[in-house]
Every structure is written in C-alpha cells, then in structure tokens.
Amino acid sequence: MATLVEAAVTEALTRGGREVVRTYAAACVERLAPVFLGLRGGSRDREADVDLFVRALWRLWDPADPFADAERLAEEVEEFAELRPTETGLTDSADIHCFHAVLALRYAVLCAGTGEVAEAGQCGHVALTAMGLLDQNLPQPGLYDEELAWQRRSVARTEGLREACAEVGRGRLAVLQGRERGGR
C-alpha cells in the first residue's frame, strides 16, 4: 500500500492553481472532520477546540477568505491535545483517529494561506494514512482505496464536493464507532 498522494493528483494540484489546491485540502479535512467532531464534540473541555475546528473548516471552503492569519491559526491548531501527546504517546484508537483529523486541518490551514501544493499534499497524505490505519482493523478494508478515489475527484470538480465529502466522513465515523463497539 502506497501512502503518498498519487502522482496524477499532485500533477493536477500543480496545474490547477491556488483554488484547486485549497479545495483539495478542504475536501481532505471535510472527509476527516466528522471523526474529530463526533469523538470530541460534547466534551466540555474540548468545546473551544471543536469550535475552532468548525470555524476553520468553514473558512477553508470560502474562496474569498485570504487566510492572512493562517500561521496564527495553525499555531492555535497545534495546541490541540492531539498534537501535544503525553510521554506515552497516542495509544487510544479515538485519539489516533482524531490526531489525523487535526493534523490534516493544520496542513489545510497553512495551505489556504500559502497556496502551496506541498502542504495540500501533506493534507492528502494524512488522509491516506488515516484510512490505511483504519483499514488494517476492518474485516473488509476499502477505505484507503476510497480515499484515493476521493482525492482524484477533489481535484477534478467542485460542484457538491463539500456535501459529498461530509457524507463520506460521516460514514467513516460510523465505521469507526461500529468497530469500537464491536470490541476490535
């Protein structure tokens, strides 16, 4: 299993310009967002983080937002517990999956500020890694391949993309929650 963004996707990002790069990064985060929001939402001590995540995600989809504060916003995201693990590291499955969503958000925020293909690629790499890890614990893997397909779509079209990515993300949360309830 390759864990890097496909060459064709990277080429499309390079040719597509800032709007395509930013849309691709936002779409990657949108597909991971339900995991973070579903596992961290409702926790009183994480309300500020959840609010910041949601606000940043909305901004990522707004092409008129110049993200002039991208570095400051990325620093705020870096303060999330998922990016500041304890001495033992991240060992809980929920923490690991939330880590990926937060890390993807960080890269997407930086990407929105700079328009850099490399940061968008890092966002895609995180999404692929997250789905590859989740696949390892499923009786019928397929999320990694699904993510590859969604990354291809995310550089090719924008009509309805956000809603479709959100739906995919909700499905991933359901898979993760079902796996957790199943004791795997």
N, C-alpha and C. Protein backbone atom coordinates (compact mmCIF):
# COMPACT_ATOMS: atom_id res chain seq x y z
N MET A 1 0.84 -1.19 0.00
CA MET A 1 0.00 0.00 0.00
C MET A 1 0.88 1.24 0.00
N ALA A 2 0.75 2.06 -1.00
CA ALA A 2 1.46 3.33 -1.04
C ALA A 2 0.77 4.31 -0.10
N THR A 3 1.54 5.16 0.52
CA THR A 3 0.93 6.12 1.44
C THR A 3 1.08 7.55 0.94
N LEU A 4 1.64 7.72 -0.23
CA LEU A 4 1.79 9.07 -0.75
C LEU A 4 0.67 9.39 -1.72
N VAL A 5 0.40 10.65 -1.84
CA VAL A 5 -0.60 11.13 -2.79
C VAL A 5 -0.16 10.72 -4.19
N GLU A 6 -1.10 10.24 -4.98
CA GLU A 6 -0.79 9.80 -6.34
C GLU A 6 -0.16 10.91 -7.16
N ALA A 7 0.74 10.52 -8.05
CA ALA A 7 1.42 11.48 -8.92
C ALA A 7 0.43 12.28 -9.76
N ALA A 8 -0.62 11.61 -10.25
CA ALA A 8 -1.62 12.31 -11.07
C ALA A 8 -2.34 13.39 -10.28
N VAL A 9 -2.58 13.12 -9.00
CA VAL A 9 -3.24 14.12 -8.15
C VAL A 9 -2.29 15.29 -7.90
N THR A 10 -1.04 14.98 -7.61
CA THR A 10 -0.04 16.04 -7.39
C THR A 10 0.11 16.90 -8.65
N GLU A 11 0.12 16.25 -9.81
CA GLU A 11 0.21 17.00 -11.07
C GLU A 11 -1.01 17.89 -11.27
N ALA A 12 -2.19 17.38 -10.96
CA ALA A 12 -3.41 18.19 -11.09
C ALA A 12 -3.39 19.37 -10.14
N LEU A 13 -2.85 19.16 -8.94
CA LEU A 13 -2.72 20.26 -7.99
C LEU A 13 -1.77 21.32 -8.51
N THR A 14 -0.66 20.88 -9.06
CA THR A 14 0.35 21.80 -9.59
C THR A 14 -0.22 22.62 -10.75
N ARG A 15 -0.96 21.98 -11.63
CA ARG A 15 -1.54 22.67 -12.79
C ARG A 15 -2.76 23.50 -12.41
N GLY A 16 -3.47 23.09 -11.38
CA GLY A 16 -4.78 23.68 -11.08
C GLY A 16 -4.77 25.04 -10.44
N GLY A 17 -3.69 25.43 -9.84
CA GLY A 17 -3.63 26.74 -9.21
C GLY A 17 -4.18 26.74 -7.79
N ARG A 18 -4.15 27.90 -7.21
CA ARG A 18 -4.47 28.08 -5.80
C ARG A 18 -5.87 27.58 -5.42
N GLU A 19 -6.87 27.84 -6.25
CA GLU A 19 -8.23 27.44 -5.91
C GLU A 19 -8.36 25.91 -5.85
N VAL A 20 -7.77 25.21 -6.79
CA VAL A 20 -7.82 23.75 -6.80
C VAL A 20 -7.06 23.19 -5.60
N VAL A 21 -5.91 23.77 -5.30
CA VAL A 21 -5.10 23.33 -4.16
C VAL A 21 -5.89 23.49 -2.87
N ARG A 22 -6.49 24.62 -2.72
CA ARG A 22 -7.24 24.90 -1.49
C ARG A 22 -8.48 24.02 -1.37
N THR A 23 -9.19 23.82 -2.47
CA THR A 23 -10.37 22.96 -2.46
C THR A 23 -9.98 21.53 -2.11
N TYR A 24 -8.92 21.05 -2.69
CA TYR A 24 -8.44 19.69 -2.41
C TYR A 24 -8.14 19.53 -0.91
N ALA A 25 -7.41 20.48 -0.33
CA ALA A 25 -7.07 20.40 1.09
C ALA A 25 -8.33 20.46 1.95
N ALA A 26 -9.25 21.35 1.61
CA ALA A 26 -10.51 21.46 2.36
C ALA A 26 -11.29 20.16 2.28
N ALA A 27 -11.31 19.54 1.11
CA ALA A 27 -12.04 18.28 0.93
C ALA A 27 -11.44 17.16 1.77
N CYS A 28 -10.11 17.11 1.84
CA CYS A 28 -9.45 16.10 2.68
C CYS A 28 -9.87 16.26 4.14
N VAL A 29 -9.86 17.49 4.62
CA VAL A 29 -10.26 17.75 6.01
C VAL A 29 -11.74 17.44 6.20
N GLU A 30 -12.56 17.81 5.24
CA GLU A 30 -14.00 17.57 5.36
C GLU A 30 -14.29 16.08 5.54
N ARG A 31 -13.52 15.22 4.87
CA ARG A 31 -13.74 13.78 5.00
C ARG A 31 -13.26 13.24 6.34
N LEU A 32 -12.36 13.95 7.00
CA LEU A 32 -11.87 13.53 8.32
C LEU A 32 -12.59 14.23 9.47
N ALA A 33 -13.20 15.36 9.19
CA ALA A 33 -13.82 16.19 10.23
C ALA A 33 -14.86 15.46 11.08
N PRO A 34 -15.76 14.67 10.49
CA PRO A 34 -16.76 14.01 11.34
C PRO A 34 -16.15 13.11 12.41
N VAL A 35 -14.99 12.56 12.14
CA VAL A 35 -14.33 11.73 13.16
C VAL A 35 -13.96 12.60 14.36
N PHE A 36 -13.29 13.72 14.11
CA PHE A 36 -12.91 14.59 15.22
C PHE A 36 -14.15 15.15 15.92
N LEU A 37 -15.08 15.66 15.14
CA LEU A 37 -16.26 16.29 15.73
C LEU A 37 -17.14 15.26 16.45
N GLY A 38 -17.23 14.07 15.90
CA GLY A 38 -18.04 13.03 16.53
C GLY A 38 -17.43 12.47 17.80
N LEU A 39 -16.10 12.41 17.85
CA LEU A 39 -15.44 11.84 19.02
C LEU A 39 -15.10 12.89 20.08
N ARG A 40 -14.98 14.14 19.68
CA ARG A 40 -14.63 15.20 20.63
C ARG A 40 -15.79 16.13 20.95
N GLY A 41 -16.77 16.20 20.09
CA GLY A 41 -17.93 17.04 20.33
C GLY A 41 -18.69 16.58 21.56
N GLY A 42 -19.22 17.51 22.30
CA GLY A 42 -19.96 17.17 23.51
C GLY A 42 -19.10 17.12 24.75
N SER A 43 -17.80 17.16 24.58
CA SER A 43 -16.89 17.16 25.73
C SER A 43 -16.65 18.61 26.15
N ARG A 44 -17.03 18.93 27.36
CA ARG A 44 -16.93 20.33 27.81
C ARG A 44 -15.52 20.87 27.74
N ASP A 45 -14.54 20.02 28.00
CA ASP A 45 -13.16 20.53 27.98
C ASP A 45 -12.60 20.67 26.57
N ARG A 46 -13.38 20.28 25.56
CA ARG A 46 -12.91 20.40 24.17
C ARG A 46 -13.79 21.34 23.34
N GLU A 47 -14.71 22.04 24.00
CA GLU A 47 -15.62 22.93 23.27
C GLU A 47 -14.88 23.96 22.42
N ALA A 48 -13.83 24.55 22.96
CA ALA A 48 -13.08 25.57 22.22
C ALA A 48 -12.40 24.96 21.00
N ASP A 49 -11.85 23.77 21.17
CA ASP A 49 -11.19 23.10 20.04
C ASP A 49 -12.19 22.74 18.95
N VAL A 50 -13.34 22.21 19.35
CA VAL A 50 -14.37 21.84 18.38
C VAL A 50 -14.83 23.09 17.64
N ASP A 51 -15.04 24.18 18.36
CA ASP A 51 -15.47 25.43 17.74
C ASP A 51 -14.42 25.93 16.75
N LEU A 52 -13.16 25.91 17.14
CA LEU A 52 -12.09 26.34 16.25
C LEU A 52 -12.02 25.46 15.01
N PHE A 53 -12.16 24.16 15.18
CA PHE A 53 -12.12 23.23 14.06
C PHE A 53 -13.23 23.57 13.07
N VAL A 54 -14.44 23.75 13.57
CA VAL A 54 -15.60 24.04 12.70
C VAL A 54 -15.41 25.37 11.99
N ARG A 55 -15.00 26.40 12.73
CA ARG A 55 -14.80 27.72 12.10
C ARG A 55 -13.73 27.66 11.03
N ALA A 56 -12.62 26.98 11.30
CA ALA A 56 -11.54 26.88 10.32
C ALA A 56 -12.01 26.11 9.08
N LEU A 57 -12.76 25.05 9.28
CA LEU A 57 -13.25 24.27 8.15
C LEU A 57 -14.17 25.11 7.27
N TRP A 58 -15.06 25.87 7.88
CA TRP A 58 -15.94 26.74 7.08
C TRP A 58 -15.12 27.73 6.29
N ARG A 59 -14.11 28.28 6.91
CA ARG A 59 -13.26 29.26 6.22
C ARG A 59 -12.51 28.62 5.07
N LEU A 60 -12.08 27.37 5.23
CA LEU A 60 -11.34 26.69 4.16
C LEU A 60 -12.15 26.63 2.87
N TRP A 61 -13.45 26.50 3.00
CA TRP A 61 -14.32 26.39 1.82
C TRP A 61 -14.69 27.75 1.23
N ASP A 62 -14.31 28.84 1.86
CA ASP A 62 -14.66 30.18 1.38
C ASP A 62 -13.51 30.74 0.54
N PRO A 63 -13.63 30.69 -0.80
CA PRO A 63 -12.52 31.13 -1.63
C PRO A 63 -12.20 32.62 -1.49
N ALA A 64 -13.12 33.40 -0.95
CA ALA A 64 -12.87 34.83 -0.76
C ALA A 64 -12.04 35.12 0.49
N ASP A 65 -11.92 34.14 1.38
CA ASP A 65 -11.14 34.33 2.61
C ASP A 65 -9.65 34.19 2.27
N PRO A 66 -8.87 35.26 2.45
CA PRO A 66 -7.46 35.20 2.07
C PRO A 66 -6.58 34.43 3.06
N PHE A 67 -7.13 34.08 4.20
CA PHE A 67 -6.38 33.35 5.22
C PHE A 67 -5.08 34.06 5.57
N ALA A 68 -5.17 35.38 5.73
CA ALA A 68 -4.00 36.17 6.10
C ALA A 68 -3.46 35.77 7.48
N ASP A 69 -4.30 35.16 8.29
CA ASP A 69 -3.92 34.74 9.64
C ASP A 69 -3.60 33.24 9.71
N ALA A 70 -3.22 32.65 8.59
CA ALA A 70 -3.02 31.20 8.53
C ALA A 70 -1.98 30.71 9.53
N GLU A 71 -0.87 31.39 9.64
CA GLU A 71 0.17 30.94 10.57
C GLU A 71 -0.32 30.97 12.02
N ARG A 72 -1.01 32.03 12.39
CA ARG A 72 -1.54 32.13 13.75
C ARG A 72 -2.57 31.04 13.99
N LEU A 73 -3.43 30.81 13.03
CA LEU A 73 -4.47 29.79 13.16
C LEU A 73 -3.83 28.40 13.25
N ALA A 74 -2.80 28.15 12.46
CA ALA A 74 -2.10 26.86 12.53
C ALA A 74 -1.47 26.67 13.91
N GLU A 75 -0.95 27.74 14.50
CA GLU A 75 -0.39 27.65 15.84
C GLU A 75 -1.47 27.30 16.87
N GLU A 76 -2.66 27.84 16.70
CA GLU A 76 -3.77 27.51 17.59
C GLU A 76 -4.13 26.03 17.46
N VAL A 77 -4.16 25.54 16.23
CA VAL A 77 -4.45 24.12 16.00
C VAL A 77 -3.37 23.25 16.63
N GLU A 78 -2.13 23.70 16.58
CA GLU A 78 -1.02 22.94 17.17
C GLU A 78 -1.15 22.79 18.68
N GLU A 79 -2.00 23.59 19.29
CA GLU A 79 -2.23 23.49 20.74
C GLU A 79 -3.26 22.43 21.10
N PHE A 80 -3.95 21.86 20.11
CA PHE A 80 -4.90 20.78 20.39
C PHE A 80 -4.14 19.63 21.06
N ALA A 81 -4.80 18.96 21.96
CA ALA A 81 -4.19 17.84 22.70
C ALA A 81 -3.65 16.77 21.76
N GLU A 82 -4.29 16.56 20.64
CA GLU A 82 -3.87 15.52 19.70
C GLU A 82 -2.47 15.78 19.14
N LEU A 83 -2.08 17.03 19.05
CA LEU A 83 -0.76 17.36 18.54
C LEU A 83 0.25 17.61 19.65
N ARG A 84 -0.16 17.37 20.89
CA ARG A 84 0.72 17.52 22.04
C ARG A 84 0.59 16.28 22.92
N PRO A 85 1.00 15.13 22.39
CA PRO A 85 0.81 13.89 23.14
C PRO A 85 1.65 13.82 24.40
N THR A 86 1.23 12.96 25.29
CA THR A 86 1.95 12.74 26.54
C THR A 86 3.19 11.89 26.29
N GLU A 87 3.91 11.58 27.35
CA GLU A 87 5.13 10.76 27.23
C GLU A 87 4.84 9.41 26.61
N THR A 88 3.68 8.86 26.87
CA THR A 88 3.35 7.54 26.33
C THR A 88 2.86 7.61 24.89
N GLY A 89 2.64 8.81 24.38
CA GLY A 89 2.16 8.97 23.02
C GLY A 89 0.68 8.70 22.91
N LEU A 90 0.23 8.57 21.69
CA LEU A 90 -1.18 8.29 21.45
C LEU A 90 -1.36 6.78 21.36
N THR A 91 -2.14 6.24 22.26
CA THR A 91 -2.36 4.79 22.27
C THR A 91 -3.82 4.43 22.08
N ASP A 92 -4.72 5.32 22.41
CA ASP A 92 -6.14 5.09 22.26
C ASP A 92 -6.55 5.28 20.79
N SER A 93 -7.35 4.38 20.28
CA SER A 93 -7.78 4.44 18.88
C SER A 93 -8.45 5.77 18.56
N ALA A 94 -9.33 6.25 19.41
CA ALA A 94 -10.02 7.52 19.16
C ALA A 94 -9.01 8.67 19.08
N ASP A 95 -8.03 8.65 19.97
CA ASP A 95 -7.01 9.70 19.95
C ASP A 95 -6.22 9.69 18.65
N ILE A 96 -5.89 8.50 18.17
CA ILE A 96 -5.12 8.37 16.94
C ILE A 96 -5.92 8.89 15.74
N HIS A 97 -7.19 8.53 15.67
CA HIS A 97 -8.01 8.99 14.55
C HIS A 97 -8.27 10.49 14.62
N CYS A 98 -8.43 11.01 15.82
CA CYS A 98 -8.60 12.46 15.96
C CYS A 98 -7.31 13.20 15.61
N PHE A 99 -6.16 12.59 15.94
CA PHE A 99 -4.86 13.16 15.58
C PHE A 99 -4.79 13.43 14.08
N HIS A 100 -5.21 12.44 13.30
CA HIS A 100 -5.14 12.60 11.85
C HIS A 100 -6.03 13.76 11.38
N ALA A 101 -7.22 13.87 11.92
CA ALA A 101 -8.12 14.96 11.52
C ALA A 101 -7.51 16.32 11.87
N VAL A 102 -6.93 16.43 13.05
CA VAL A 102 -6.33 17.70 13.49
C VAL A 102 -5.09 18.03 12.66
N LEU A 103 -4.27 17.04 12.39
CA LEU A 103 -3.07 17.28 11.59
C LEU A 103 -3.45 17.71 10.17
N ALA A 104 -4.45 17.07 9.60
CA ALA A 104 -4.91 17.47 8.27
C ALA A 104 -5.42 18.91 8.29
N LEU A 105 -6.14 19.28 9.35
CA LEU A 105 -6.62 20.66 9.47
C LEU A 105 -5.45 21.63 9.50
N ARG A 106 -4.42 21.30 10.25
CA ARG A 106 -3.24 22.17 10.34
C ARG A 106 -2.64 22.40 8.95
N TYR A 107 -2.42 21.32 8.21
CA TYR A 107 -1.85 21.46 6.87
C TYR A 107 -2.78 22.24 5.95
N ALA A 108 -4.07 22.00 6.04
CA ALA A 108 -5.02 22.70 5.17
C ALA A 108 -5.05 24.19 5.47
N VAL A 109 -4.96 24.56 6.73
CA VAL A 109 -4.92 25.98 7.10
C VAL A 109 -3.68 26.64 6.51
N LEU A 110 -2.53 25.98 6.66
CA LEU A 110 -1.31 26.53 6.08
C LEU A 110 -1.42 26.63 4.57
N CYS A 111 -1.99 25.60 3.96
CA CYS A 111 -2.19 25.58 2.51
C CYS A 111 -3.08 26.75 2.07
N ALA A 112 -4.13 27.01 2.81
CA ALA A 112 -5.03 28.11 2.46
C ALA A 112 -4.32 29.45 2.50
N GLY A 113 -3.35 29.57 3.39
CA GLY A 113 -2.60 30.82 3.49
C GLY A 113 -1.56 30.99 2.40
N THR A 114 -0.95 29.88 1.97
CA THR A 114 0.16 29.98 1.02
C THR A 114 -0.20 29.51 -0.38
N GLY A 115 -1.18 28.62 -0.50
CA GLY A 115 -1.50 28.03 -1.79
C GLY A 115 -0.48 26.99 -2.24
N GLU A 116 0.36 26.55 -1.32
CA GLU A 116 1.43 25.61 -1.64
C GLU A 116 0.90 24.20 -1.89
N VAL A 117 1.32 23.62 -2.99
CA VAL A 117 0.95 22.26 -3.33
C VAL A 117 1.50 21.28 -2.29
N ALA A 118 2.70 21.53 -1.79
CA ALA A 118 3.31 20.61 -0.82
C ALA A 118 2.45 20.47 0.44
N GLU A 119 1.88 21.57 0.92
CA GLU A 119 1.04 21.50 2.11
C GLU A 119 -0.27 20.78 1.81
N ALA A 120 -0.81 20.98 0.63
CA ALA A 120 -2.01 20.24 0.23
C ALA A 120 -1.68 18.75 0.15
N GLY A 121 -0.50 18.44 -0.39
CA GLY A 121 -0.07 17.05 -0.47
C GLY A 121 0.07 16.42 0.89
N GLN A 122 0.57 17.17 1.86
CA GLN A 122 0.67 16.65 3.23
C GLN A 122 -0.71 16.36 3.79
N CYS A 123 -1.66 17.21 3.48
CA CYS A 123 -3.04 17.01 3.93
C CYS A 123 -3.58 15.70 3.34
N GLY A 124 -3.35 15.49 2.07
CA GLY A 124 -3.77 14.26 1.43
C GLY A 124 -3.06 13.04 1.97
N HIS A 125 -1.79 13.18 2.26
CA HIS A 125 -1.01 12.08 2.84
C HIS A 125 -1.58 11.66 4.19
N VAL A 126 -1.94 12.64 5.01
CA VAL A 126 -2.53 12.35 6.32
C VAL A 126 -3.84 11.59 6.15
N ALA A 127 -4.67 12.02 5.21
CA ALA A 127 -5.96 11.35 4.99
C ALA A 127 -5.75 9.91 4.53
N LEU A 128 -4.79 9.68 3.65
CA LEU A 128 -4.49 8.32 3.19
C LEU A 128 -3.96 7.46 4.33
N THR A 129 -3.08 8.03 5.13
CA THR A 129 -2.53 7.29 6.27
C THR A 129 -3.64 6.90 7.24
N ALA A 130 -4.53 7.84 7.52
CA ALA A 130 -5.64 7.57 8.45
C ALA A 130 -6.51 6.43 7.94
N MET A 131 -6.82 6.44 6.66
CA MET A 131 -7.69 5.39 6.12
C MET A 131 -6.94 4.06 6.03
N GLY A 132 -5.65 4.10 5.75
CA GLY A 132 -4.85 2.88 5.75
C GLY A 132 -4.80 2.23 7.11
N LEU A 133 -4.66 3.04 8.15
CA LEU A 133 -4.66 2.50 9.52
C LEU A 133 -6.02 1.93 9.89
N LEU A 134 -7.06 2.63 9.53
CA LEU A 134 -8.40 2.14 9.84
C LEU A 134 -8.68 0.83 9.09
N ASP A 135 -8.25 0.76 7.84
CA ASP A 135 -8.42 -0.46 7.06
C ASP A 135 -7.77 -1.68 7.71
N GLN A 136 -6.65 -1.48 8.38
CA GLN A 136 -5.94 -2.60 9.00
C GLN A 136 -6.76 -3.28 10.08
N ASN A 137 -7.77 -2.60 10.57
CA ASN A 137 -8.59 -3.13 11.66
C ASN A 137 -10.01 -3.45 11.22
N LEU A 138 -10.21 -3.57 9.93
CA LEU A 138 -11.55 -3.87 9.43
C LEU A 138 -11.55 -5.23 8.75
N PRO A 139 -12.63 -5.99 8.90
CA PRO A 139 -12.70 -7.29 8.22
C PRO A 139 -12.74 -7.15 6.70
N GLN A 140 -13.31 -6.07 6.20
CA GLN A 140 -13.36 -5.81 4.76
C GLN A 140 -12.80 -4.42 4.49
N PRO A 141 -11.48 -4.31 4.34
CA PRO A 141 -10.88 -3.00 4.10
C PRO A 141 -11.31 -2.42 2.76
N GLY A 142 -11.23 -1.15 2.64
CA GLY A 142 -11.57 -0.47 1.39
C GLY A 142 -11.53 1.04 1.52
N LEU A 143 -11.32 1.52 2.75
CA LEU A 143 -11.34 2.96 2.97
C LEU A 143 -10.15 3.67 2.34
N TYR A 144 -9.00 3.01 2.31
CA TYR A 144 -7.82 3.60 1.68
C TYR A 144 -8.09 3.82 0.19
N ASP A 145 -8.58 2.79 -0.48
CA ASP A 145 -8.89 2.92 -1.91
C ASP A 145 -9.98 3.96 -2.15
N GLU A 146 -10.95 4.01 -1.26
CA GLU A 146 -12.00 5.02 -1.37
C GLU A 146 -11.40 6.42 -1.26
N GLU A 147 -10.46 6.60 -0.33
CA GLU A 147 -9.81 7.91 -0.16
C GLU A 147 -9.03 8.28 -1.42
N LEU A 148 -8.33 7.31 -2.01
CA LEU A 148 -7.62 7.59 -3.27
C LEU A 148 -8.59 8.12 -4.32
N ALA A 149 -9.73 7.46 -4.44
CA ALA A 149 -10.73 7.89 -5.42
C ALA A 149 -11.25 9.29 -5.11
N TRP A 150 -11.50 9.57 -3.84
CA TRP A 150 -12.00 10.89 -3.46
C TRP A 150 -10.95 11.97 -3.70
N GLN A 151 -9.68 11.62 -3.53
CA GLN A 151 -8.65 12.62 -3.80
C GLN A 151 -8.62 12.95 -5.29
N ARG A 152 -8.82 11.96 -6.13
CA ARG A 152 -8.89 12.21 -7.58
C ARG A 152 -10.08 13.13 -7.90
N ARG A 153 -11.21 12.86 -7.28
CA ARG A 153 -12.40 13.69 -7.52
C ARG A 153 -12.21 15.11 -7.00
N SER A 154 -11.45 15.23 -5.92
CA SER A 154 -11.29 16.54 -5.28
C SER A 154 -10.46 17.52 -6.10
N VAL A 155 -9.73 17.04 -7.09
CA VAL A 155 -9.00 17.95 -7.98
C VAL A 155 -9.72 18.13 -9.31
N ALA A 156 -10.80 17.40 -9.50
CA ALA A 156 -11.49 17.42 -10.79
C ALA A 156 -12.79 18.22 -10.80
N ARG A 157 -13.46 18.33 -9.65
CA ARG A 157 -14.75 19.03 -9.66
C ARG A 157 -14.99 19.66 -8.30
N THR A 158 -15.88 20.64 -8.28
CA THR A 158 -16.21 21.27 -7.01
C THR A 158 -17.71 21.25 -6.73
N GLU A 159 -18.54 21.10 -7.73
CA GLU A 159 -20.00 21.11 -7.54
C GLU A 159 -20.42 20.00 -6.60
N GLY A 160 -20.97 20.36 -5.45
CA GLY A 160 -21.44 19.39 -4.48
C GLY A 160 -20.35 18.64 -3.74
N LEU A 161 -19.11 19.04 -3.93
CA LEU A 161 -17.99 18.32 -3.34
C LEU A 161 -18.02 18.35 -1.81
N ARG A 162 -18.28 19.50 -1.25
CA ARG A 162 -18.27 19.60 0.21
C ARG A 162 -19.30 18.67 0.84
N GLU A 163 -20.51 18.71 0.33
CA GLU A 163 -21.57 17.87 0.90
C GLU A 163 -21.24 16.39 0.75
N ALA A 164 -20.70 16.02 -0.40
CA ALA A 164 -20.34 14.62 -0.63
C ALA A 164 -19.23 14.18 0.31
N CYS A 165 -18.24 15.04 0.51
CA CYS A 165 -17.12 14.70 1.42
C CYS A 165 -17.61 14.60 2.86
N ALA A 166 -18.52 15.47 3.25
CA ALA A 166 -19.08 15.40 4.60
C ALA A 166 -19.81 14.08 4.81
N GLU A 167 -20.56 13.66 3.81
CA GLU A 167 -21.28 12.39 3.89
C GLU A 167 -20.30 11.21 4.00
N VAL A 168 -19.25 11.23 3.23
CA VAL A 168 -18.22 10.19 3.31
C VAL A 168 -17.61 10.17 4.71
N GLY A 169 -17.33 11.35 5.24
CA GLY A 169 -16.77 11.44 6.59
C GLY A 169 -17.69 10.89 7.66
N ARG A 170 -18.98 11.16 7.52
CA ARG A 170 -19.94 10.60 8.48
C ARG A 170 -19.97 9.08 8.39
N GLY A 171 -19.82 8.56 7.21
CA GLY A 171 -19.74 7.11 7.04
C GLY A 171 -18.49 6.54 7.71
N ARG A 172 -17.40 7.24 7.62
CA ARG A 172 -16.16 6.80 8.27
C ARG A 172 -16.30 6.82 9.78
N LEU A 173 -16.95 7.83 10.30
CA LEU A 173 -17.20 7.87 11.74
C LEU A 173 -18.05 6.68 12.16
N ALA A 174 -19.06 6.36 11.38
CA ALA A 174 -19.93 5.22 11.70
C ALA A 174 -19.13 3.91 11.68
N VAL A 175 -18.23 3.77 10.71
CA VAL A 175 -17.37 2.58 10.66
C VAL A 175 -16.50 2.50 11.90
N LEU A 176 -15.90 3.62 12.25
CA LEU A 176 -15.03 3.65 13.43
C LEU A 176 -15.81 3.36 14.71
N GLN A 177 -16.96 3.96 14.86
CA GLN A 177 -17.76 3.71 16.05
C GLN A 177 -18.26 2.27 16.09
N GLY A 178 -18.61 1.71 14.96
CA GLY A 178 -19.04 0.31 14.89
C GLY A 178 -17.92 -0.63 15.25
N ARG A 179 -16.71 -0.30 14.80
CA ARG A 179 -15.55 -1.12 15.13
C ARG A 179 -15.25 -1.07 16.63
N GLU A 180 -15.39 0.12 17.19
CA GLU A 180 -15.13 0.30 18.63
C GLU A 180 -16.17 -0.46 19.46
N ARG A 181 -17.42 -0.39 19.04
CA ARG A 181 -18.47 -1.11 19.78
C ARG A 181 -18.32 -2.61 19.65
N GLY A 182 -17.75 -3.03 18.51
CA GLY A 182 -17.57 -4.45 18.27
C GLY A 182 -16.40 -5.05 19.03
N GLY A 183 -15.66 -4.19 19.73
CA GLY A 183 -14.55 -4.68 20.56
C GLY A 183 -13.27 -4.96 19.80
N ARG A 184 -13.17 -4.48 18.59
CA ARG A 184 -11.95 -4.70 17.80
C ARG A 184 -10.97 -3.61 18.05
